[in-house]
Amino acid sequence: MADTDPDALEREIERTRAELARTVDAIADRVSPKRVAERSVAKVKANAEHLVSSFGDLVGGSTSRSAAEMEGEERYPPAQSMAPVLIGLGAVLVVGATIILLRRRNR
């Protein structure tokens, strides 16, 4: 049967109110513009770190080797091995800038 004790009902109502207040606070925090911006910034930072790490792997080889394995080796790869990568990156930037300028010009 239903619990008809007024004190028990009052306690249940207070528990429900507290739970509802926590839920509303969590929703408000989640949709807050400040929190949304913070999450967006964190996501951009994580993506940038991943991009830098990937570029570092591409330019300098795998970074999964331990420090002991790399001991005695040069810390950075010679400039000669980076040249093709940098030339390719420059070419991509030039092509991208050209496309953007041509689109603006055609408007």
PDB file of N, CA and C in Angstrom:
ATOM      1  N   MET A   1       0.822  -1.184   0.000  1.00  0.00           N
ATOM      2  CA  MET A   1       0.000   0.000   0.000  1.00  0.00           C
ATOM      3  C   MET A   1       0.870   1.253   0.000  1.00  0.00           C
ATOM      4  N   ALA A   2       0.244   2.341  -0.326  1.00  0.00           N
ATOM      5  CA  ALA A   2       0.965   3.611  -0.374  1.00  0.00           C
ATOM      6  C   ALA A   2       1.324   4.065   1.019  1.00  0.00           C
ATOM      7  N   ASP A   3       2.475   4.691   1.104  1.00  0.00           N
ATOM      8  CA  ASP A   3       2.944   5.220   2.382  1.00  0.00           C
ATOM      9  C   ASP A   3       2.200   6.525   2.659  1.00  0.00           C
ATOM     10  N   THR A   4       1.355   6.527   3.690  1.00  0.00           N
ATOM     11  CA  THR A   4       0.523   7.705   3.956  1.00  0.00           C
ATOM     12  C   THR A   4       1.025   8.502   5.153  1.00  0.00           C
ATOM     13  N   ASP A   5       2.168   8.134   5.682  1.00  0.00           N
ATOM     14  CA  ASP A   5       2.741   8.872   6.806  1.00  0.00           C
ATOM     15  C   ASP A   5       3.147  10.259   6.309  1.00  0.00           C
ATOM     16  N   PRO A   6       2.604  11.321   6.878  1.00  0.00           N
ATOM     17  CA  PRO A   6       2.901  12.680   6.408  1.00  0.00           C
ATOM     18  C   PRO A   6       4.397  13.014   6.486  1.00  0.00           C
ATOM     19  N   ASP A   7       5.069  12.561   7.519  1.00  0.00           N
ATOM     20  CA  ASP A   7       6.505  12.845   7.636  1.00  0.00           C
ATOM     21  C   ASP A   7       7.294  12.138   6.529  1.00  0.00           C
ATOM     22  N   ALA A   8       6.938  10.911   6.221  1.00  0.00           N
ATOM     23  CA  ALA A   8       7.613  10.169   5.155  1.00  0.00           C
ATOM     24  C   ALA A   8       7.354  10.833   3.801  1.00  0.00           C
ATOM     25  N   LEU A   9       6.117  11.262   3.578  1.00  0.00           N
ATOM     26  CA  LEU A   9       5.794  11.954   2.337  1.00  0.00           C
ATOM     27  C   LEU A   9       6.587  13.255   2.214  1.00  0.00           C
ATOM     28  N   GLU A  10       6.720  13.973   3.306  1.00  0.00           N
ATOM     29  CA  GLU A  10       7.465  15.221   3.311  1.00  0.00           C
ATOM     30  C   GLU A  10       8.941  14.976   2.984  1.00  0.00           C
ATOM     31  N   ARG A  11       9.517  13.933   3.574  1.00  0.00           N
ATOM     32  CA  ARG A  11      10.912  13.594   3.293  1.00  0.00           C
ATOM     33  C   ARG A  11      11.097  13.207   1.822  1.00  0.00           C
ATOM     34  N   GLU A  12      10.155  12.438   1.289  1.00  0.00           N
ATOM     35  CA  GLU A  12      10.218  12.039  -0.120  1.00  0.00           C
ATOM     36  C   GLU A  12      10.118  13.261  -1.033  1.00  0.00           C
ATOM     37  N   ILE A  13       9.253  14.193  -0.689  1.00  0.00           N
ATOM     38  CA  ILE A  13       9.112  15.424  -1.479  1.00  0.00           C
ATOM     39  C   ILE A  13      10.412  16.226  -1.427  1.00  0.00           C
ATOM     40  N   GLU A  14      11.032  16.326  -0.290  1.00  0.00           N
ATOM     41  CA  GLU A  14      12.293  17.068  -0.160  1.00  0.00           C
ATOM     42  C   GLU A  14      13.408  16.399  -0.961  1.00  0.00           C
ATOM     43  N   ARG A  15      13.461  15.074  -0.926  1.00  0.00           N
ATOM     44  CA  ARG A  15      14.466  14.352  -1.723  1.00  0.00           C
ATOM     45  C   ARG A  15      14.245  14.611  -3.217  1.00  0.00           C
ATOM     46  N   THR A  16      12.985  14.568  -3.622  1.00  0.00           N
ATOM     47  CA  THR A  16      12.653  14.810  -5.026  1.00  0.00           C
ATOM     48  C   THR A  16      13.013  16.236  -5.425  1.00  0.00           C
ATOM     49  N   ARG A  17      12.730  17.200  -4.571  1.00  0.00           N
ATOM     50  CA  ARG A  17      13.078  18.596  -4.849  1.00  0.00           C
ATOM     51  C   ARG A  17      14.596  18.767  -4.979  1.00  0.00           C
ATOM     52  N   ALA A  18      15.341  18.152  -4.075  1.00  0.00           N
ATOM     53  CA  ALA A  18      16.800  18.268  -4.115  1.00  0.00           C
ATOM     54  C   ALA A  18      17.349  17.645  -5.394  1.00  0.00           C
ATOM     55  N   GLU A  19      16.821  16.484  -5.774  1.00  0.00           N
ATOM     56  CA  GLU A  19      17.263  15.824  -6.999  1.00  0.00           C
ATOM     57  C   GLU A  19      16.919  16.671  -8.223  1.00  0.00           C
ATOM     58  N   LEU A  20      15.733  17.242  -8.225  1.00  0.00           N
ATOM     59  CA  LEU A  20      15.321  18.099  -9.330  1.00  0.00           C
ATOM     60  C   LEU A  20      16.206  19.346  -9.410  1.00  0.00           C
ATOM     61  N   ALA A  21      16.540  19.922  -8.271  1.00  0.00           N
ATOM     62  CA  ALA A  21      17.409  21.106  -8.248  1.00  0.00           C
ATOM     63  C   ALA A  21      18.787  20.769  -8.808  1.00  0.00           C
ATOM     64  N   ARG A  22      19.335  19.609  -8.435  1.00  0.00           N
ATOM     65  CA  ARG A  22      20.635  19.196  -8.976  1.00  0.00           C
ATOM     66  C   ARG A  22      20.563  18.994 -10.484  1.00  0.00           C
ATOM     67  N   THR A  23      19.471  18.396 -10.950  1.00  0.00           N
ATOM     68  CA  THR A  23      19.303  18.164 -12.381  1.00  0.00           C
ATOM     69  C   THR A  23      19.208  19.478 -13.145  1.00  0.00           C
ATOM     70  N   VAL A  24      18.421  20.415 -12.624  1.00  0.00           N
ATOM     71  CA  VAL A  24      18.277  21.718 -13.277  1.00  0.00           C
ATOM     72  C   VAL A  24      19.619  22.454 -13.287  1.00  0.00           C
ATOM     73  N   ASP A  25      20.355  22.399 -12.183  1.00  0.00           N
ATOM     74  CA  ASP A  25      21.675  23.045 -12.131  1.00  0.00           C
ATOM     75  C   ASP A  25      22.639  22.426 -13.146  1.00  0.00           C
ATOM     76  N   ALA A  26      22.600  21.107 -13.271  1.00  0.00           N
ATOM     77  CA  ALA A  26      23.476  20.428 -14.228  1.00  0.00           C
ATOM     78  C   ALA A  26      23.126  20.824 -15.660  1.00  0.00           C
ATOM     79  N   ILE A  27      21.840  20.923 -15.963  1.00  0.00           N
ATOM     80  CA  ILE A  27      21.420  21.330 -17.307  1.00  0.00           C
ATOM     81  C   ILE A  27      21.831  22.769 -17.568  1.00  0.00           C
ATOM     82  N   ALA A  28      21.607  23.647 -16.601  1.00  0.00           N
ATOM     83  CA  ALA A  28      21.978  25.056 -16.758  1.00  0.00           C
ATOM     84  C   ALA A  28      23.481  25.204 -16.958  1.00  0.00           C
ATOM     85  N   ASP A  29      24.260  24.429 -16.226  1.00  0.00           N
ATOM     86  CA  ASP A  29      25.716  24.481 -16.366  1.00  0.00           C
ATOM     87  C   ASP A  29      26.135  23.990 -17.747  1.00  0.00           C
ATOM     88  N   ARG A  30      25.471  22.969 -18.226  1.00  0.00           N
ATOM     89  CA  ARG A  30      25.838  22.384 -19.517  1.00  0.00           C
ATOM     90  C   ARG A  30      25.542  23.308 -20.691  1.00  0.00           C
ATOM     91  N   VAL A  31      24.456  24.060 -20.625  1.00  0.00           N
ATOM     92  CA  VAL A  31      24.080  24.930 -21.740  1.00  0.00           C
ATOM     93  C   VAL A  31      24.547  26.370 -21.543  1.00  0.00           C
ATOM     94  N   SER A  32      25.228  26.633 -20.460  1.00  0.00           N
ATOM     95  CA  SER A  32      25.746  27.971 -20.205  1.00  0.00           C
ATOM     96  C   SER A  32      26.717  28.374 -21.313  1.00  0.00           C
ATOM     97  N   PRO A  33      26.576  29.592 -21.865  1.00  0.00           N
ATOM     98  CA  PRO A  33      27.492  30.025 -22.935  1.00  0.00           C
ATOM     99  C   PRO A  33      28.957  29.954 -22.510  1.00  0.00           C
ATOM    100  N   LYS A  34      29.229  30.263 -21.261  1.00  0.00           N
ATOM    101  CA  LYS A  34      30.611  30.198 -20.781  1.00  0.00           C
ATOM    102  C   LYS A  34      31.142  28.765 -20.849  1.00  0.00           C
ATOM    103  N   ARG A  35      30.329  27.814 -20.400  1.00  0.00           N
ATOM    104  CA  ARG A  35      30.759  26.403 -20.413  1.00  0.00           C
ATOM    105  C   ARG A  35      30.885  25.879 -21.840  1.00  0.00           C
ATOM    106  N   VAL A  36      29.945  26.284 -22.700  1.00  0.00           N
ATOM    107  CA  VAL A  36      30.019  25.857 -24.095  1.00  0.00           C
ATOM    108  C   VAL A  36      31.310  26.374 -24.716  1.00  0.00           C
ATOM    109  N   ALA A  37      31.640  27.643 -24.445  1.00  0.00           N
ATOM    110  CA  ALA A  37      32.881  28.226 -24.973  1.00  0.00           C
ATOM    111  C   ALA A  37      34.100  27.497 -24.415  1.00  0.00           C
ATOM    112  N   GLU A  38      34.088  27.186 -23.125  1.00  0.00           N
ATOM    113  CA  GLU A  38      35.215  26.476 -22.518  1.00  0.00           C
ATOM    114  C   GLU A  38      35.408  25.102 -23.164  1.00  0.00           C
ATOM    115  N   ARG A  39      34.294  24.396 -23.393  1.00  0.00           N
ATOM    116  CA  ARG A  39      34.404  23.082 -24.039  1.00  0.00           C
ATOM    117  C   ARG A  39      34.908  23.213 -25.467  1.00  0.00           C
ATOM    118  N   SER A  40      34.458  24.252 -26.167  1.00  0.00           N
ATOM    119  CA  SER A  40      34.909  24.465 -27.540  1.00  0.00           C
ATOM    120  C   SER A  40      36.394  24.765 -27.580  1.00  0.00           C
ATOM    121  N   VAL A  41      36.859  25.607 -26.668  1.00  0.00           N
ATOM    122  CA  VAL A  41      38.286  25.941 -26.608  1.00  0.00           C
ATOM    123  C   VAL A  41      39.095  24.691 -26.285  1.00  0.00           C
ATOM    124  N   ALA A  42      38.614  23.892 -25.350  1.00  0.00           N
ATOM    125  CA  ALA A  42      39.321  22.662 -24.989  1.00  0.00           C
ATOM    126  C   ALA A  42      39.395  21.706 -26.183  1.00  0.00           C
ATOM    127  N   LYS A  43      38.314  21.631 -26.949  1.00  0.00           N
ATOM    128  CA  LYS A  43      38.299  20.750 -28.115  1.00  0.00           C
ATOM    129  C   LYS A  43      39.284  21.252 -29.173  1.00  0.00           C
ATOM    130  N   VAL A  44      39.316  22.561 -29.400  1.00  0.00           N
ATOM    131  CA  VAL A  44      40.253  23.126 -30.379  1.00  0.00           C
ATOM    132  C   VAL A  44      41.689  22.888 -29.935  1.00  0.00           C
ATOM    133  N   LYS A  45      41.962  23.076 -28.632  1.00  0.00           N
ATOM    134  CA  LYS A  45      43.313  22.837 -28.126  1.00  0.00           C
ATOM    135  C   LYS A  45      43.717  21.378 -28.318  1.00  0.00           C
ATOM    136  N   ALA A  46      42.800  20.468 -28.016  1.00  0.00           N
ATOM    137  CA  ALA A  46      43.105  19.042 -28.166  1.00  0.00           C
ATOM    138  C   ALA A  46      43.372  18.705 -29.631  1.00  0.00           C
ATOM    139  N   ASN A  47      42.555  19.267 -30.531  1.00  0.00           N
ATOM    140  CA  ASN A  47      42.769  19.021 -31.956  1.00  0.00           C
ATOM    141  C   ASN A  47      44.094  19.615 -32.418  1.00  0.00           C
ATOM    142  N   ALA A  48      44.438  20.792 -31.915  1.00  0.00           N
ATOM    143  CA  ALA A  48      45.707  21.425 -32.295  1.00  0.00           C
ATOM    144  C   ALA A  48      46.884  20.600 -31.788  1.00  0.00           C
ATOM    145  N   GLU A  49      46.791  20.118 -30.554  1.00  0.00           N
ATOM    146  CA  GLU A  49      47.865  19.283 -30.014  1.00  0.00           C
ATOM    147  C   GLU A  49      48.022  18.008 -30.830  1.00  0.00           C
ATOM    148  N   HIS A  50      46.892  17.432 -31.224  1.00  0.00           N
ATOM    149  CA  HIS A  50      46.938  16.217 -32.039  1.00  0.00           C
ATOM    150  C   HIS A  50      47.576  16.521 -33.395  1.00  0.00           C
ATOM    151  N   LEU A  51      47.204  17.661 -33.996  1.00  0.00           N
ATOM    152  CA  LEU A  51      47.763  18.042 -35.281  1.00  0.00           C
ATOM    153  C   LEU A  51      49.269  18.260 -35.178  1.00  0.00           C
ATOM    154  N   VAL A  52      49.689  18.962 -34.129  1.00  0.00           N
ATOM    155  CA  VAL A  52      51.126  19.210 -33.930  1.00  0.00           C
ATOM    156  C   VAL A  52      51.864  17.893 -33.720  1.00  0.00           C
ATOM    157  N   SER A  53      51.277  17.021 -32.936  1.00  0.00           N
ATOM    158  CA  SER A  53      51.889  15.717 -32.692  1.00  0.00           C
ATOM    159  C   SER A  53      51.992  14.913 -33.989  1.00  0.00           C
ATOM    160  N   SER A  54      50.926  14.924 -34.774  1.00  0.00           N
ATOM    161  CA  SER A  54      50.939  14.200 -36.051  1.00  0.00           C
ATOM    162  C   SER A  54      51.973  14.789 -36.997  1.00  0.00           C
ATOM    163  N   PHE A  55      52.048  16.114 -37.037  1.00  0.00           N
ATOM    164  CA  PHE A  55      53.034  16.766 -37.896  1.00  0.00           C
ATOM    165  C   PHE A  55      54.439  16.434 -37.420  1.00  0.00           C
ATOM    166  N   GLY A  56      54.623  16.412 -36.103  1.00  0.00           N
ATOM    167  CA  GLY A  56      55.928  16.051 -35.551  1.00  0.00           C
ATOM    168  C   GLY A  56      56.312  14.633 -35.918  1.00  0.00           C
ATOM    169  N   ASP A  57      55.346  13.728 -35.882  1.00  0.00           N
ATOM    170  CA  ASP A  57      55.615  12.347 -36.280  1.00  0.00           C
ATOM    171  C   ASP A  57      55.979  12.278 -37.756  1.00  0.00           C
ATOM    172  N   LEU A  58      55.273  13.064 -38.570  1.00  0.00           N
ATOM    173  CA  LEU A  58      55.519  13.062 -40.002  1.00  0.00           C
ATOM    174  C   LEU A  58      56.906  13.610 -40.314  1.00  0.00           C
ATOM    175  N   VAL A  59      57.262  14.694 -39.648  1.00  0.00           N
ATOM    176  CA  VAL A  59      58.539  15.347 -39.917  1.00  0.00           C
ATOM    177  C   VAL A  59      59.692  14.606 -39.276  1.00  0.00           C
ATOM    178  N   GLY A  60      59.525  14.226 -38.014  1.00  0.00           N
ATOM    179  CA  GLY A  60      60.652  13.657 -37.280  1.00  0.00           C
ATOM    180  C   GLY A  60      60.608  12.163 -37.100  1.00  0.00           C
ATOM    181  N   GLY A  61      59.680  11.515 -37.699  1.00  0.00           N
ATOM    182  CA  GLY A  61      59.565  10.085 -37.496  1.00  0.00           C
ATOM    183  C   GLY A  61      58.697   9.809 -36.286  1.00  0.00           C
ATOM    184  N   SER A  62      58.552   8.586 -35.932  1.00  0.00           N
ATOM    185  CA  SER A  62      57.693   8.193 -34.828  1.00  0.00           C
ATOM    186  C   SER A  62      58.238   8.692 -33.503  1.00  0.00           C
ATOM    187  N   THR A  63      57.341   9.174 -32.655  1.00  0.00           N
ATOM    188  CA  THR A  63      57.753   9.620 -31.326  1.00  0.00           C
ATOM    189  C   THR A  63      57.455   8.562 -30.281  1.00  0.00           C
ATOM    190  N   SER A  64      57.098   7.364 -30.742  1.00  0.00           N
ATOM    191  CA  SER A  64      56.754   6.318 -29.791  1.00  0.00           C
ATOM    192  C   SER A  64      57.979   5.639 -29.196  1.00  0.00           C
ATOM    193  N   ARG A  65      59.163   5.982 -29.701  1.00  0.00           N
ATOM    194  CA  ARG A  65      60.381   5.391 -29.152  1.00  0.00           C
ATOM    195  C   ARG A  65      60.669   6.007 -27.793  1.00  0.00           C
ATOM    196  N   SER A  66      61.278   5.237 -26.934  1.00  0.00           N
ATOM    197  CA  SER A  66      61.594   5.745 -25.603  1.00  0.00           C
ATOM    198  C   SER A  66      62.820   6.641 -25.653  1.00  0.00           C
ATOM    199  N   ALA A  67      63.021   7.388 -24.596  1.00  0.00           N
ATOM    200  CA  ALA A  67      64.182   8.281 -24.504  1.00  0.00           C
ATOM    201  C   ALA A  67      65.472   7.471 -24.545  1.00  0.00           C
ATOM    202  N   ALA A  68      65.461   6.274 -23.961  1.00  0.00           N
ATOM    203  CA  ALA A  68      66.662   5.428 -23.973  1.00  0.00           C
ATOM    204  C   ALA A  68      67.018   5.009 -25.390  1.00  0.00           C
ATOM    205  N   GLU A  69      66.008   4.744 -26.212  1.00  0.00           N
ATOM    206  CA  GLU A  69      66.260   4.351 -27.597  1.00  0.00           C
ATOM    207  C   GLU A  69      66.824   5.521 -28.404  1.00  0.00           C
ATOM    208  N   MET A  70      66.425   6.746 -28.046  1.00  0.00           N
ATOM    209  CA  MET A  70      66.858   7.908 -28.803  1.00  0.00           C
ATOM    210  C   MET A  70      68.144   8.522 -28.258  1.00  0.00           C
ATOM    211  N   GLU A  71      68.629   8.005 -27.134  1.00  0.00           N
ATOM    212  CA  GLU A  71      69.835   8.560 -26.547  1.00  0.00           C
ATOM    213  C   GLU A  71      71.006   8.428 -27.509  1.00  0.00           C
ATOM    214  N   GLY A  72      71.749   9.462 -27.657  1.00  0.00           N
ATOM    215  CA  GLY A  72      72.876   9.453 -28.570  1.00  0.00           C
ATOM    216  C   GLY A  72      72.504   9.879 -29.975  1.00  0.00           C
ATOM    217  N   GLU A  73      71.205   9.968 -30.281  1.00  0.00           N
ATOM    218  CA  GLU A  73      70.777  10.424 -31.591  1.00  0.00           C
ATOM    219  C   GLU A  73      70.544  11.926 -31.541  1.00  0.00           C
ATOM    220  N   GLU A  74      70.508  12.529 -32.698  1.00  0.00           N
ATOM    221  CA  GLU A  74      70.173  13.946 -32.740  1.00  0.00           C
ATOM    222  C   GLU A  74      68.750  14.128 -32.239  1.00  0.00           C
ATOM    223  N   ARG A  75      68.522  15.225 -31.535  1.00  0.00           N
ATOM    224  CA  ARG A  75      67.179  15.481 -31.001  1.00  0.00           C
ATOM    225  C   ARG A  75      66.207  15.811 -32.128  1.00  0.00           C
ATOM    226  N   TYR A  76      66.643  16.557 -33.098  1.00  0.00           N
ATOM    227  CA  TYR A  76      65.796  16.951 -34.217  1.00  0.00           C
ATOM    228  C   TYR A  76      66.372  16.357 -35.492  1.00  0.00           C
ATOM    229  N   PRO A  77      65.515  16.047 -36.438  1.00  0.00           N
ATOM    230  CA  PRO A  77      66.032  15.475 -37.686  1.00  0.00           C
ATOM    231  C   PRO A  77      66.808  16.534 -38.453  1.00  0.00           C
ATOM    232  N   PRO A  78      67.714  16.122 -39.300  1.00  0.00           N
ATOM    233  CA  PRO A  78      68.457  17.091 -40.095  1.00  0.00           C
ATOM    234  C   PRO A  78      67.507  17.902 -40.964  1.00  0.00           C
ATOM    235  N   ALA A  79      67.918  19.123 -41.292  1.00  0.00           N
ATOM    236  CA  ALA A  79      67.078  20.017 -42.081  1.00  0.00           C
ATOM    237  C   ALA A  79      66.770  19.424 -43.454  1.00  0.00           C
ATOM    238  N   GLN A  80      67.656  18.594 -43.969  1.00  0.00           N
ATOM    239  CA  GLN A  80      67.447  18.016 -45.289  1.00  0.00           C
ATOM    240  C   GLN A  80      66.204  17.134 -45.324  1.00  0.00           C
ATOM    241  N   SER A  81      65.918  16.412 -44.244  1.00  0.00           N
ATOM    242  CA  SER A  81      64.751  15.533 -44.248  1.00  0.00           C
ATOM    243  C   SER A  81      63.461  16.322 -44.069  1.00  0.00           C
ATOM    244  N   MET A  82      63.551  17.533 -43.561  1.00  0.00           N
ATOM    245  CA  MET A  82      62.357  18.360 -43.379  1.00  0.00           C
ATOM    246  C   MET A  82      62.033  19.159 -44.632  1.00  0.00           C
ATOM    247  N   ALA A  83      62.980  19.335 -45.520  1.00  0.00           N
ATOM    248  CA  ALA A  83      62.791  20.181 -46.692  1.00  0.00           C
ATOM    249  C   ALA A  83      61.595  19.759 -47.542  1.00  0.00           C
ATOM    250  N   PRO A  84      61.443  18.498 -47.905  1.00  0.00           N
ATOM    251  CA  PRO A  84      60.288  18.134 -48.744  1.00  0.00           C
ATOM    252  C   PRO A  84      58.952  18.406 -48.051  1.00  0.00           C
ATOM    253  N   VAL A  85      58.914  18.169 -46.774  1.00  0.00           N
ATOM    254  CA  VAL A  85      57.679  18.416 -46.025  1.00  0.00           C
ATOM    255  C   VAL A  85      57.357  19.898 -46.012  1.00  0.00           C
ATOM    256  N   LEU A  86      58.360  20.720 -45.754  1.00  0.00           N
ATOM    257  CA  LEU A  86      58.144  22.161 -45.723  1.00  0.00           C
ATOM    258  C   LEU A  86      57.788  22.702 -47.101  1.00  0.00           C
ATOM    259  N   ILE A  87      58.379  22.175 -48.142  1.00  0.00           N
ATOM    260  CA  ILE A  87      58.033  22.591 -49.501  1.00  0.00           C
ATOM    261  C   ILE A  87      56.587  22.216 -49.810  1.00  0.00           C
ATOM    262  N   GLY A  88      56.194  21.028 -49.441  1.00  0.00           N
ATOM    263  CA  GLY A  88      54.803  20.600 -49.649  1.00  0.00           C
ATOM    264  C   GLY A  88      53.826  21.464 -48.881  1.00  0.00           C
ATOM    265  N   LEU A  89      54.149  21.773 -47.636  1.00  0.00           N
ATOM    266  CA  LEU A  89      53.297  22.633 -46.826  1.00  0.00           C
ATOM    267  C   LEU A  89      53.180  24.015 -47.450  1.00  0.00           C
ATOM    268  N   GLY A  90      54.292  24.551 -47.922  1.00  0.00           N
ATOM    269  CA  GLY A  90      54.266  25.858 -48.581  1.00  0.00           C
ATOM    270  C   GLY A  90      53.412  25.834 -49.839  1.00  0.00           C
ATOM    271  N   ALA A  91      53.518  24.770 -50.607  1.00  0.00           N
ATOM    272  CA  ALA A  91      52.712  24.652 -51.829  1.00  0.00           C
ATOM    273  C   ALA A  91      51.227  24.612 -51.501  1.00  0.00           C
ATOM    274  N   VAL A  92      50.863  23.870 -50.479  1.00  0.00           N
ATOM    275  CA  VAL A  92      49.464  23.807 -50.059  1.00  0.00           C
ATOM    276  C   VAL A  92      48.973  25.182 -49.635  1.00  0.00           C
ATOM    277  N   LEU A  93      49.773  25.907 -48.886  1.00  0.00           N
ATOM    278  CA  LEU A  93      49.385  27.249 -48.467  1.00  0.00           C
ATOM    279  C   LEU A  93      49.223  28.193 -49.656  1.00  0.00           C
ATOM    280  N   VAL A  94      50.116  28.120 -50.616  1.00  0.00           N
ATOM    281  CA  VAL A  94      50.025  28.983 -51.801  1.00  0.00           C
ATOM    282  C   VAL A  94      48.766  28.660 -52.601  1.00  0.00           C
ATOM    283  N   VAL A  95      48.497  27.391 -52.812  1.00  0.00           N
ATOM    284  CA  VAL A  95      47.303  26.995 -53.558  1.00  0.00           C
ATOM    285  C   VAL A  95      46.047  27.440 -52.816  1.00  0.00           C
ATOM    286  N   GLY A  96      46.016  27.244 -51.517  1.00  0.00           N
ATOM    287  CA  GLY A  96      44.855  27.666 -50.724  1.00  0.00           C
ATOM    288  C   GLY A  96      44.646  29.166 -50.785  1.00  0.00           C
ATOM    289  N   ALA A  97      45.706  29.937 -50.646  1.00  0.00           N
ATOM    290  CA  ALA A  97      45.596  31.394 -50.707  1.00  0.00           C
ATOM    291  C   ALA A  97      45.132  31.832 -52.094  1.00  0.00           C
ATOM    292  N   THR A  98      45.625  31.180 -53.137  1.00  0.00           N
ATOM    293  CA  THR A  98      45.218  31.514 -54.501  1.00  0.00           C
ATOM    294  C   THR A  98      43.730  31.261 -54.700  1.00  0.00           C
ATOM    295  N   ILE A  99      43.242  30.149 -54.223  1.00  0.00           N
ATOM    296  CA  ILE A  99      41.812  29.821 -54.349  1.00  0.00           C
ATOM    297  C   ILE A  99      40.972  30.864 -53.623  1.00  0.00           C
ATOM    298  N   ILE A 100      41.363  31.220 -52.429  1.00  0.00           N
ATOM    299  CA  ILE A 100      40.609  32.220 -51.657  1.00  0.00           C
ATOM    300  C   ILE A 100      40.600  33.561 -52.383  1.00  0.00           C
ATOM    301  N   LEU A 101      41.743  34.002 -52.885  1.00  0.00           N
ATOM    302  CA  LEU A 101      41.812  35.281 -53.589  1.00  0.00           C
ATOM    303  C   LEU A 101      40.981  35.259 -54.875  1.00  0.00           C
ATOM    304  N   LEU A 102      41.009  34.174 -55.613  1.00  0.00           N
ATOM    305  CA  LEU A 102      40.213  34.080 -56.832  1.00  0.00           C
ATOM    306  C   LEU A 102      38.716  34.113 -56.536  1.00  0.00           C
ATOM    307  N   ARG A 103      38.295  33.472 -55.486  1.00  0.00           N
ATOM    308  CA  ARG A 103      36.872  33.499 -55.112  1.00  0.00           C
ATOM    309  C   ARG A 103      36.436  34.897 -54.721  1.00  0.00           C
ATOM    310  N   ARG A 104      37.276  35.593 -53.950  1.00  0.00           N
ATOM    311  CA  ARG A 104      36.941  36.968 -53.561  1.00  0.00           C
ATOM    312  C   ARG A 104      36.881  37.874 -54.778  1.00  0.00           C
ATOM    313  N   ARG A 105      37.776  37.668 -55.705  1.00  0.00           N
ATOM    314  CA  ARG A 105      37.845  38.501 -56.901  1.00  0.00           C
ATOM    315  C   ARG A 105      36.618  38.317 -57.772  1.00  0.00           C
ATOM    316  N   ASN A 106      36.086  37.100 -57.845  1.00  0.00           N
ATOM    317  CA  ASN A 106      34.932  36.798 -58.702  1.00  0.00           C
ATOM    318  C   ASN A 106      33.617  37.318 -58.126  1.00  0.00           C
ATOM    319  N   ARG A 107      33.596  37.734 -56.903  1.00  0.00           N
ATOM    320  CA  ARG A 107      32.340  38.218 -56.302  1.00  0.00           C
ATOM    321  C   ARG A 107      31.988  39.579 -56.746  1.00  0.00           C
TER     322      ARG A 107
END
